[in-house]
């Protein structure tokens, strides 16, 4: 069963309460998403570290229920 965009957003916001999150369903199949996540938690972290933090927030759903997620992450502008 595919993962709903609302569920992805909820999990990310649980981990990063200050985050601005935008989720797009890329294929209309509930299986391929793009997410843009902006959070102060990312400040000073490499892009790889930022993405690992988001994958951690998804609690093991990446690669299972959630097949593909194209991530764009950044801290907010100063």
Protein backbone atom coordinates (compact mmCIF):
# COMPACT_ATOMS: atom_id res chain seq x y z
CA UNK A 1 0.00 0.00 0.00
CA UNK A 2 1.45 3.39 -0.97
CA UNK A 3 2.20 6.08 1.58
CA UNK A 4 0.04 9.22 1.52
CA UNK A 5 1.67 12.63 1.10
CA UNK A 6 -0.02 13.75 4.34
CA UNK A 7 1.69 10.91 6.21
CA UNK A 8 5.10 11.88 4.83
CA UNK A 9 4.54 15.49 5.85
CA UNK A 10 3.32 14.48 9.32
CA UNK A 11 6.38 12.32 10.00
CA UNK A 12 8.75 15.06 8.86
CA UNK A 13 6.98 17.70 10.96
CA UNK A 14 7.06 15.43 14.01
CA UNK A 15 10.85 15.30 13.70
CA UNK A 16 11.27 18.95 12.65
CA UNK A 17 8.42 21.02 14.14
CA UNK A 18 9.74 24.25 12.60
CA UNK A 19 9.96 22.76 9.10
CA UNK A 20 8.35 24.14 6.00
CA UNK A 21 7.42 21.02 4.04
CA UNK A 22 6.16 20.73 0.49
CA UNK A 23 5.32 17.29 -0.93
CA UNK A 24 4.58 16.59 -4.61
CA UNK A 25 3.34 13.28 -5.99
CA UNK A 26 5.50 12.94 -9.09
CA UNK A 27 3.76 10.07 -10.84
CA UNK A 28 0.24 10.21 -9.38
CA UNK A 29 0.73 6.72 -7.98
CA UNK A 30 1.35 7.54 -4.32
CA UNK A 31 4.75 5.89 -4.65
CA UNK A 32 7.06 8.52 -6.13
CA UNK A 33 7.32 11.84 -4.33
CA UNK A 34 9.44 14.97 -4.23
CA UNK A 35 9.81 16.74 -0.91
CA UNK A 36 11.22 20.15 -0.12
CA UNK A 37 12.07 20.56 3.56
CA UNK A 38 13.38 23.77 5.11
CA UNK A 39 14.38 23.58 8.77
CA UNK A 40 16.79 25.32 11.13
CA UNK A 41 17.89 21.80 12.17
CA UNK A 42 19.79 21.57 8.87
CA UNK A 43 22.02 24.57 9.52
CA UNK A 44 25.69 23.57 9.46
CA UNK A 45 24.93 20.08 8.16
CA UNK A 46 26.05 18.69 4.82
CA UNK A 47 23.43 17.82 2.21
CA UNK A 48 24.01 14.11 2.92
CA UNK A 49 23.50 14.67 6.66
CA UNK A 50 20.31 16.65 5.98
CA UNK A 51 18.91 13.86 3.82
CA UNK A 52 19.85 11.23 6.40
CA UNK A 53 17.96 13.25 9.02
CA UNK A 54 14.83 13.27 6.85
CA UNK A 55 15.15 9.53 6.10
CA UNK A 56 15.41 8.96 9.85
CA UNK A 57 12.23 10.97 10.38
CA UNK A 58 10.43 8.62 7.97
CA UNK A 59 10.94 5.79 10.47
CA UNK A 60 12.06 3.04 8.10
CA UNK A 61 9.38 3.63 5.46
CA UNK A 62 11.93 4.65 2.82
CA UNK A 63 12.48 1.84 0.34
CA UNK A 64 9.47 -0.07 1.64
CA UNK A 65 6.07 1.61 1.73
CA UNK A 66 7.68 4.72 0.28
CA UNK A 67 9.46 3.67 -2.90
CA UNK A 68 11.04 6.93 -4.10
CA UNK A 69 11.53 10.34 -2.55
CA UNK A 70 13.47 13.11 -4.30
CA UNK A 71 14.67 15.41 -1.52
CA UNK A 72 15.56 19.07 -1.50
CA UNK A 73 16.66 20.26 1.95
CA UNK A 74 18.08 23.47 3.36
CA UNK A 75 18.13 25.68 6.42
CA UNK A 76 16.00 28.84 6.21
CA UNK A 77 17.68 31.95 4.84
CA UNK A 78 19.33 34.12 7.47
